[in-house]
């Protein structure tokens, strides 16, 4: 074992130690990474939906302003002297 090579024969557990704590930590890190990736995907979808909603809102505001301006101009044309 001093040369850095695993010995042949016998149980591998006699030569390679199994660290349950590090395996648990690695599993928790993988789960946390998956959870964060999923969260970032959801946040991306939410941002996209908010941008679409904002575009619709501005379109509605411009439409309302357009209607008000057209009514104002129509009333000015109707009251103009002939």
PDB file of N, CA and C in Angstrom:
ATOM      1  N   UNK A   1       0.806  -1.187   0.000  1.00  0.00           N
ATOM      2  CA  UNK A   1       0.000   0.000   0.000  1.00  0.00           C
ATOM      3  C   UNK A   1       0.845   1.245   0.000  1.00  0.00           C
ATOM      4  N   UNK A   2       2.071   1.124   0.258  1.00  0.00           N
ATOM      5  CA  UNK A   2       2.928   2.306   0.291  1.00  0.00           C
ATOM      6  C   UNK A   2       3.246   2.805  -1.111  1.00  0.00           C
ATOM      7  N   UNK A   3       3.083   1.961  -2.143  1.00  0.00           N
ATOM      8  CA  UNK A   3       3.365   2.403  -3.508  1.00  0.00           C
ATOM      9  C   UNK A   3       2.171   3.085  -4.157  1.00  0.00           C
ATOM     10  N   UNK A   4       1.028   3.200  -3.493  1.00  0.00           N
ATOM     11  CA  UNK A   4      -0.132   3.927  -3.997  1.00  0.00           C
ATOM     12  C   UNK A   4      -1.074   3.073  -4.822  1.00  0.00           C
ATOM     13  N   UNK A   5      -0.780   1.792  -5.002  1.00  0.00           N
ATOM     14  CA  UNK A   5      -1.649   0.918  -5.782  1.00  0.00           C
ATOM     15  C   UNK A   5      -2.462   0.052  -4.841  1.00  0.00           C
ATOM     16  N   UNK A   6      -3.703  -0.223  -5.250  1.00  0.00           N
ATOM     17  CA  UNK A   6      -4.554  -1.094  -4.451  1.00  0.00           C
ATOM     18  C   UNK A   6      -4.067  -2.529  -4.607  1.00  0.00           C
ATOM     19  N   UNK A   7      -4.128  -3.285  -3.537  1.00  0.00           N
ATOM     20  CA  UNK A   7      -3.685  -4.670  -3.595  1.00  0.00           C
ATOM     21  C   UNK A   7      -4.771  -5.515  -4.236  1.00  0.00           C
ATOM     22  N   UNK A   8      -4.354  -6.588  -4.855  1.00  0.00           N
ATOM     23  CA  UNK A   8      -5.307  -7.481  -5.498  1.00  0.00           C
ATOM     24  C   UNK A   8      -5.678  -8.595  -4.540  1.00  0.00           C
ATOM     25  N   UNK A   9      -6.902  -9.122  -4.723  1.00  0.00           N
ATOM     26  CA  UNK A   9      -7.361 -10.211  -3.879  1.00  0.00           C
ATOM     27  C   UNK A   9      -7.999  -9.691  -2.611  1.00  0.00           C
ATOM     28  N   UNK A  10      -8.918 -10.436  -2.093  1.00  0.00           N
ATOM     29  CA  UNK A  10      -9.585 -10.037  -0.857  1.00  0.00           C
ATOM     30  C   UNK A  10     -10.668  -8.996  -1.123  1.00  0.00           C
ATOM     31  N   UNK A  11     -11.215  -8.517  -0.073  1.00  0.00           N
ATOM     32  CA  UNK A  11     -12.288  -7.544  -0.168  1.00  0.00           C
ATOM     33  C   UNK A  11     -11.726  -6.157  -0.456  1.00  0.00           C
ATOM     34  N   UNK A  12     -12.400  -5.438  -1.327  1.00  0.00           N
ATOM     35  CA  UNK A  12     -11.931  -4.092  -1.654  1.00  0.00           C
ATOM     36  C   UNK A  12     -12.158  -3.137  -0.489  1.00  0.00           C
ATOM     37  N   UNK A  13     -13.063  -3.479   0.399  1.00  0.00           N
ATOM     38  CA  UNK A  13     -13.340  -2.625   1.541  1.00  0.00           C
ATOM     39  C   UNK A  13     -12.208  -2.649   2.561  1.00  0.00           C
ATOM     40  N   UNK A  14     -11.334  -3.622   2.439  1.00  0.00           N
ATOM     41  CA  UNK A  14     -10.177  -3.634   3.319  1.00  0.00           C
ATOM     42  C   UNK A  14      -9.156  -2.585   2.899  1.00  0.00           C
ATOM     43  N   UNK A  15      -9.189  -2.198   1.621  1.00  0.00           N
ATOM     44  CA  UNK A  15      -8.161  -1.299   1.111  1.00  0.00           C
ATOM     45  C   UNK A  15      -8.705   0.093   0.781  1.00  0.00           C
ATOM     46  N   UNK A  16      -9.973   0.181   0.332  1.00  0.00           N
ATOM     47  CA  UNK A  16     -10.561   1.469  -0.011  1.00  0.00           C
ATOM     48  C   UNK A  16     -11.575   1.838   1.058  1.00  0.00           C
ATOM     49  N   UNK A  17     -11.367   2.962   1.664  1.00  0.00           N
ATOM     50  CA  UNK A  17     -12.314   3.365   2.702  1.00  0.00           C
ATOM     51  C   UNK A  17     -13.538   4.004   2.065  1.00  0.00           C
ATOM     52  N   UNK A  18     -14.673   3.783   2.655  1.00  0.00           N
ATOM     53  CA  UNK A  18     -15.921   4.383   2.186  1.00  0.00           C
ATOM     54  C   UNK A  18     -16.330   5.421   3.224  1.00  0.00           C
ATOM     55  N   UNK A  19     -16.414   6.654   2.765  1.00  0.00           N
ATOM     56  CA  UNK A  19     -16.755   7.737   3.677  1.00  0.00           C
ATOM     57  C   UNK A  19     -18.215   8.102   3.455  1.00  0.00           C
ATOM     58  N   UNK A  20     -19.074   7.626   4.345  1.00  0.00           N
ATOM     59  CA  UNK A  20     -20.517   7.858   4.211  1.00  0.00           C
ATOM     60  C   UNK A  20     -20.847   9.340   4.330  1.00  0.00           C
ATOM     61  N   UNK A  21     -20.123  10.056   5.135  1.00  0.00           N
ATOM     62  CA  UNK A  21     -20.403  11.482   5.321  1.00  0.00           C
ATOM     63  C   UNK A  21     -20.147  12.250   4.034  1.00  0.00           C
ATOM     64  N   UNK A  22     -19.048  11.955   3.357  1.00  0.00           N
ATOM     65  CA  UNK A  22     -18.751  12.680   2.113  1.00  0.00           C
ATOM     66  C   UNK A  22     -19.737  12.286   1.014  1.00  0.00           C
ATOM     67  N   UNK A  23     -20.174  11.017   1.011  1.00  0.00           N
ATOM     68  CA  UNK A  23     -21.166  10.593   0.023  1.00  0.00           C
ATOM     69  C   UNK A  23     -22.488  11.318   0.265  1.00  0.00           C
ATOM     70  N   UNK A  24     -22.864  11.483   1.521  1.00  0.00           N
ATOM     71  CA  UNK A  24     -24.102  12.188   1.863  1.00  0.00           C
ATOM     72  C   UNK A  24     -23.995  13.662   1.477  1.00  0.00           C
ATOM     73  N   UNK A  25     -22.838  14.255   1.727  1.00  0.00           N
ATOM     74  CA  UNK A  25     -22.628  15.662   1.365  1.00  0.00           C
ATOM     75  C   UNK A  25     -22.696  15.840  -0.154  1.00  0.00           C
ATOM     76  N   UNK A  26     -22.069  14.927  -0.892  1.00  0.00           N
ATOM     77  CA  UNK A  26     -22.115  15.005  -2.355  1.00  0.00           C
ATOM     78  C   UNK A  26     -23.542  14.848  -2.868  1.00  0.00           C
ATOM     79  N   UNK A  27     -24.296  13.942  -2.276  1.00  0.00           N
ATOM     80  CA  UNK A  27     -25.690  13.757  -2.696  1.00  0.00           C
ATOM     81  C   UNK A  27     -26.506  15.013  -2.404  1.00  0.00           C
ATOM     82  N   UNK A  28     -26.293  15.614  -1.234  1.00  0.00           N
ATOM     83  CA  UNK A  28     -27.000  16.846  -0.895  1.00  0.00           C
ATOM     84  C   UNK A  28     -26.611  17.985  -1.832  1.00  0.00           C
ATOM     85  N   UNK A  29     -25.340  18.037  -2.225  1.00  0.00           N
ATOM     86  CA  UNK A  29     -24.901  19.076  -3.162  1.00  0.00           C
ATOM     87  C   UNK A  29     -25.548  18.883  -4.530  1.00  0.00           C
ATOM     88  N   UNK A  30     -25.653  17.635  -4.984  1.00  0.00           N
ATOM     89  CA  UNK A  30     -26.307  17.372  -6.271  1.00  0.00           C
ATOM     90  C   UNK A  30     -27.788  17.753  -6.221  1.00  0.00           C
ATOM     91  N   UNK A  31     -28.439  17.421  -5.115  1.00  0.00           N
ATOM     92  CA  UNK A  31     -29.857  17.766  -4.973  1.00  0.00           C
ATOM     93  C   UNK A  31     -30.035  19.276  -4.930  1.00  0.00           C
ATOM     94  N   UNK A  32     -29.171  19.957  -4.191  1.00  0.00           N
ATOM     95  CA  UNK A  32     -29.258  21.416  -4.114  1.00  0.00           C
ATOM     96  C   UNK A  32     -29.036  22.040  -5.485  1.00  0.00           C
ATOM     97  N   UNK A  33     -28.083  21.505  -6.253  1.00  0.00           N
ATOM     98  CA  UNK A  33     -27.824  22.024  -7.593  1.00  0.00           C
ATOM     99  C   UNK A  33     -29.044  21.837  -8.491  1.00  0.00           C
ATOM    100  N   UNK A  34     -29.677  20.668  -8.421  1.00  0.00           N
ATOM    101  CA  UNK A  34     -30.882  20.415  -9.210  1.00  0.00           C
ATOM    102  C   UNK A  34     -32.009  21.356  -8.797  1.00  0.00           C
ATOM    103  N   UNK A  35     -32.149  21.587  -7.498  1.00  0.00           N
ATOM    104  CA  UNK A  35     -33.194  22.492  -7.025  1.00  0.00           C
ATOM    105  C   UNK A  35     -32.947  23.916  -7.505  1.00  0.00           C
ATOM    106  N   UNK A  36     -31.697  24.370  -7.439  1.00  0.00           N
ATOM    107  CA  UNK A  36     -31.384  25.717  -7.908  1.00  0.00           C
ATOM    108  C   UNK A  36     -31.577  25.838  -9.411  1.00  0.00           C
ATOM    109  N   UNK A  37     -31.183  24.809 -10.161  1.00  0.00           N
ATOM    110  CA  UNK A  37     -31.397  24.843 -11.613  1.00  0.00           C
ATOM    111  C   UNK A  37     -32.878  24.940 -11.946  1.00  0.00           C
ATOM    112  N   UNK A  38     -33.687  24.157 -11.237  1.00  0.00           N
ATOM    113  CA  UNK A  38     -35.136  24.206 -11.454  1.00  0.00           C
ATOM    114  C   UNK A  38     -35.688  25.572 -11.082  1.00  0.00           C
ATOM    115  N   UNK A  39     -35.199  26.137  -9.983  1.00  0.00           N
ATOM    116  CA  UNK A  39     -35.661  27.449  -9.561  1.00  0.00           C
ATOM    117  C   UNK A  39     -35.301  28.516 -10.591  1.00  0.00           C
ATOM    118  N   UNK A  40     -34.094  28.445 -11.147  1.00  0.00           N
ATOM    119  CA  UNK A  40     -33.684  29.417 -12.168  1.00  0.00           C
ATOM    120  C   UNK A  40     -34.532  29.278 -13.430  1.00  0.00           C
ATOM    121  N   UNK A  41     -34.890  28.048 -13.791  1.00  0.00           N
ATOM    122  CA  UNK A  41     -35.761  27.845 -14.953  1.00  0.00           C
ATOM    123  C   UNK A  41     -37.135  28.448 -14.700  1.00  0.00           C
ATOM    124  N   UNK A  42     -37.663  28.240 -13.519  1.00  0.00           N
ATOM    125  CA  UNK A  42     -38.979  28.804 -13.189  1.00  0.00           C
ATOM    126  C   UNK A  42     -38.919  30.323 -13.177  1.00  0.00           C
ATOM    127  N   UNK A  43     -37.849  30.882 -12.603  1.00  0.00           N
ATOM    128  CA  UNK A  43     -37.707  32.337 -12.591  1.00  0.00           C
ATOM    129  C   UNK A  43     -37.606  32.894 -14.006  1.00  0.00           C
ATOM    130  N   UNK A  44     -36.934  32.177 -14.879  1.00  0.00           N
ATOM    131  CA  UNK A  44     -36.850  32.605 -16.275  1.00  0.00           C
ATOM    132  C   UNK A  44     -38.218  32.635 -16.936  1.00  0.00           C
ATOM    133  N   UNK A  45     -39.021  31.603 -16.666  1.00  0.00           N
ATOM    134  CA  UNK A  45     -40.377  31.580 -17.228  1.00  0.00           C
ATOM    135  C   UNK A  45     -41.233  32.697 -16.650  1.00  0.00           C
ATOM    136  N   UNK A  46     -41.086  32.962 -15.352  1.00  0.00           N
ATOM    137  CA  UNK A  46     -41.848  34.040 -14.729  1.00  0.00           C
ATOM    138  C   UNK A  46     -41.448  35.388 -15.315  1.00  0.00           C
ATOM    139  N   UNK A  47     -40.144  35.605 -15.519  1.00  0.00           N
ATOM    140  CA  UNK A  47     -39.685  36.858 -16.123  1.00  0.00           C
ATOM    141  C   UNK A  47     -40.245  37.030 -17.528  1.00  0.00           C
ATOM    142  N   UNK A  48     -40.273  35.951 -18.298  1.00  0.00           N
ATOM    143  CA  UNK A  48     -40.842  36.011 -19.644  1.00  0.00           C
ATOM    144  C   UNK A  48     -42.320  36.381 -19.593  1.00  0.00           C
ATOM    145  N   UNK A  49     -43.058  35.765 -18.673  1.00  0.00           N
ATOM    146  CA  UNK A  49     -44.479  36.072 -18.542  1.00  0.00           C
ATOM    147  C   UNK A  49     -44.701  37.521 -18.107  1.00  0.00           C
ATOM    148  N   UNK A  50     -43.856  38.022 -17.219  1.00  0.00           N
ATOM    149  CA  UNK A  50     -43.989  39.407 -16.774  1.00  0.00           C
ATOM    150  C   UNK A  50     -43.703  40.368 -17.925  1.00  0.00           C
ATOM    151  N   UNK A  51     -42.707  40.066 -18.738  1.00  0.00           N
ATOM    152  CA  UNK A  51     -42.411  40.916 -19.899  1.00  0.00           C
ATOM    153  C   UNK A  51     -43.581  40.936 -20.873  1.00  0.00           C
ATOM    154  N   UNK A  52     -44.188  39.785 -21.125  1.00  0.00           N
ATOM    155  CA  UNK A  52     -45.343  39.735 -22.018  1.00  0.00           C
ATOM    156  C   UNK A  52     -46.515  40.526 -21.437  1.00  0.00           C
ATOM    157  N   UNK A  53     -46.728  40.399 -20.137  1.00  0.00           N
ATOM    158  CA  UNK A  53     -47.799  41.143 -19.480  1.00  0.00           C
ATOM    159  C   UNK A  53     -47.544  42.644 -19.554  1.00  0.00           C
ATOM    160  N   UNK A  54     -46.297  43.031 -19.380  1.00  0.00           N
ATOM    161  CA  UNK A  54     -45.946  44.450 -19.463  1.00  0.00           C
ATOM    162  C   UNK A  54     -46.198  44.997 -20.872  1.00  0.00           C
ATOM    163  N   UNK A  55     -45.852  44.235 -21.886  1.00  0.00           N
ATOM    164  CA  UNK A  55     -46.117  44.663 -23.262  1.00  0.00           C
ATOM    165  C   UNK A  55     -47.616  44.843 -23.492  1.00  0.00           C
ATOM    166  N   UNK A  56     -48.415  43.897 -22.986  1.00  0.00           N
ATOM    167  CA  UNK A  56     -49.866  43.999 -23.144  1.00  0.00           C
ATOM    168  C   UNK A  56     -50.413  45.213 -22.399  1.00  0.00           C
ATOM    169  N   UNK A  57     -49.868  45.474 -21.217  1.00  0.00           N
ATOM    170  CA  UNK A  57     -50.315  46.617 -20.437  1.00  0.00           C
ATOM    171  C   UNK A  57     -50.024  47.922 -21.163  1.00  0.00           C
ATOM    172  N   UNK A  58     -48.817  48.066 -21.711  1.00  0.00           N
ATOM    173  CA  UNK A  58     -48.471  49.287 -22.445  1.00  0.00           C
ATOM    174  C   UNK A  58     -49.322  49.433 -23.699  1.00  0.00           C
ATOM    175  N   UNK A  59     -49.603  48.326 -24.357  1.00  0.00           N
ATOM    176  CA  UNK A  59     -50.476  48.374 -25.534  1.00  0.00           C
ATOM    177  C   UNK A  59     -51.865  48.874 -25.153  1.00  0.00           C
ATOM    178  N   UNK A  60     -52.360  48.409 -24.018  1.00  0.00           N
ATOM    179  CA  UNK A  60     -53.662  48.862 -23.542  1.00  0.00           C
ATOM    180  C   UNK A  60     -53.626  50.353 -23.184  1.00  0.00           C
ATOM    181  N   UNK A  61     -52.559  50.791 -22.525  1.00  0.00           N
ATOM    182  CA  UNK A  61     -52.435  52.213 -22.173  1.00  0.00           C
ATOM    183  C   UNK A  61     -52.404  53.065 -23.431  1.00  0.00           C
ATOM    184  N   UNK A  62     -51.622  52.671 -24.421  1.00  0.00           N
ATOM    185  CA  UNK A  62     -51.568  53.436 -25.681  1.00  0.00           C
ATOM    186  C   UNK A  62     -52.927  53.443 -26.380  1.00  0.00           C
ATOM    187  N   UNK A  63     -53.648  52.333 -26.301  1.00  0.00           N
ATOM    188  CA  UNK A  63     -54.973  52.275 -26.904  1.00  0.00           C
ATOM    189  C   UNK A  63     -55.943  53.242 -26.237  1.00  0.00           C
ATOM    190  N   UNK A  64     -55.924  53.270 -24.905  1.00  0.00           N
ATOM    191  CA  UNK A  64     -56.805  54.183 -24.169  1.00  0.00           C
ATOM    192  C   UNK A  64     -56.452  55.626 -24.485  1.00  0.00           C
ATOM    193  N   UNK A  65     -55.173  55.952 -24.503  1.00  0.00           N
ATOM    194  CA  UNK A  65     -54.737  57.318 -24.831  1.00  0.00           C
ATOM    195  C   UNK A  65     -55.156  57.667 -26.257  1.00  0.00           C
ATOM    196  N   UNK A  66     -55.035  56.739 -27.165  1.00  0.00           N
ATOM    197  CA  UNK A  66     -55.438  56.976 -28.554  1.00  0.00           C
ATOM    198  C   UNK A  66     -56.926  57.258 -28.664  1.00  0.00           C
ATOM    199  N   UNK A  67     -57.729  56.503 -27.942  1.00  0.00           N
ATOM    200  CA  UNK A  67     -59.180  56.728 -27.977  1.00  0.00           C
ATOM    201  C   UNK A  67     -59.520  58.095 -27.399  1.00  0.00           C
ATOM    202  N   UNK A  68     -58.904  58.450 -26.284  1.00  0.00           N
ATOM    203  CA  UNK A  68     -59.169  59.754 -25.671  1.00  0.00           C
ATOM    204  C   UNK A  68     -58.757  60.883 -26.608  1.00  0.00           C
ATOM    205  N   UNK A  69     -57.592  60.761 -27.235  1.00  0.00           N
ATOM    206  CA  UNK A  69     -57.148  61.803 -28.170  1.00  0.00           C
ATOM    207  C   UNK A  69     -58.061  61.893 -29.384  1.00  0.00           C
ATOM    208  N   UNK A  70     -58.482  60.747 -29.896  1.00  0.00           N
ATOM    209  CA  UNK A  70     -59.367  60.786 -31.070  1.00  0.00           C
ATOM    210  C   UNK A  70     -60.717  61.405 -30.718  1.00  0.00           C
ATOM    211  N   UNK A  71     -61.228  61.142 -29.540  1.00  0.00           N
ATOM    212  CA  UNK A  71     -62.484  61.761 -29.123  1.00  0.00           C
ATOM    213  C   UNK A  71     -62.309  63.266 -28.943  1.00  0.00           C
ATOM    214  N   UNK A  72     -61.180  63.676 -28.387  1.00  0.00           N
ATOM    215  CA  UNK A  72     -60.902  65.109 -28.223  1.00  0.00           C
ATOM    216  C   UNK A  72     -60.795  65.813 -29.561  1.00  0.00           C
ATOM    217  N   UNK A  73     -60.103  65.205 -30.500  1.00  0.00           N
ATOM    218  CA  UNK A  73     -59.960  65.802 -31.834  1.00  0.00           C
ATOM    219  C   UNK A  73     -61.303  65.834 -32.545  1.00  0.00           C
ATOM    220  N   UNK A  74     -62.109  64.787 -32.405  1.00  0.00           N
ATOM    221  CA  UNK A  74     -63.436  64.758 -33.021  1.00  0.00           C
ATOM    222  C   UNK A  74     -64.329  65.845 -32.446  1.00  0.00           C
ATOM    223  N   UNK A  75     -64.235  66.075 -31.153  1.00  0.00           N
ATOM    224  CA  UNK A  75     -65.065  67.130 -30.552  1.00  0.00           C
ATOM    225  C   UNK A  75     -64.590  68.503 -30.995  1.00  0.00           C
ATOM    226  N   UNK A  76     -63.282  68.688 -31.194  1.00  0.00           N
ATOM    227  CA  UNK A  76     -62.766  69.966 -31.699  1.00  0.00           C
ATOM    228  C   UNK A  76     -63.214  70.216 -33.134  1.00  0.00           C
ATOM    229  N   UNK A  77     -63.236  69.157 -33.939  1.00  0.00           N
ATOM    230  CA  UNK A  77     -63.672  69.298 -35.327  1.00  0.00           C
ATOM    231  C   UNK A  77     -65.157  69.630 -35.385  1.00  0.00           C
ATOM    232  N   UNK A  78     -65.968  69.016 -34.506  1.00  0.00           N
ATOM    233  CA  UNK A  78     -67.409  69.256 -34.484  1.00  0.00           C
ATOM    234  C   UNK A  78     -67.726  70.688 -34.030  1.00  0.00           C
ATOM    235  N   UNK A  79     -66.924  71.254 -33.134  1.00  0.00           N
ATOM    236  CA  UNK A  79     -67.205  72.592 -32.622  1.00  0.00           C
ATOM    237  C   UNK A  79     -66.537  73.699 -33.436  1.00  0.00           C
ATOM    238  N   UNK A  80     -65.780  73.341 -34.419  1.00  0.00           N
ATOM    239  CA  UNK A  80     -65.086  74.353 -35.226  1.00  0.00           C
ATOM    240  C   UNK A  80     -66.129  75.136 -36.032  1.00  0.00           C
ATOM    241  N   UNK A  81     -65.907  76.469 -36.203  1.00  0.00           N
ATOM    242  CA  UNK A  81     -66.857  77.264 -36.999  1.00  0.00           C
ATOM    243  C   UNK A  81     -66.821  76.870 -38.463  1.00  0.00           C
ATOM    244  N   UNK A  82     -67.980  76.950 -39.093  1.00  0.00           N
ATOM    245  CA  UNK A  82     -68.070  76.530 -40.488  1.00  0.00           C
ATOM    246  C   UNK A  82     -68.249  77.691 -41.398  1.00  0.00           C
TER     247      UNK A  82
END
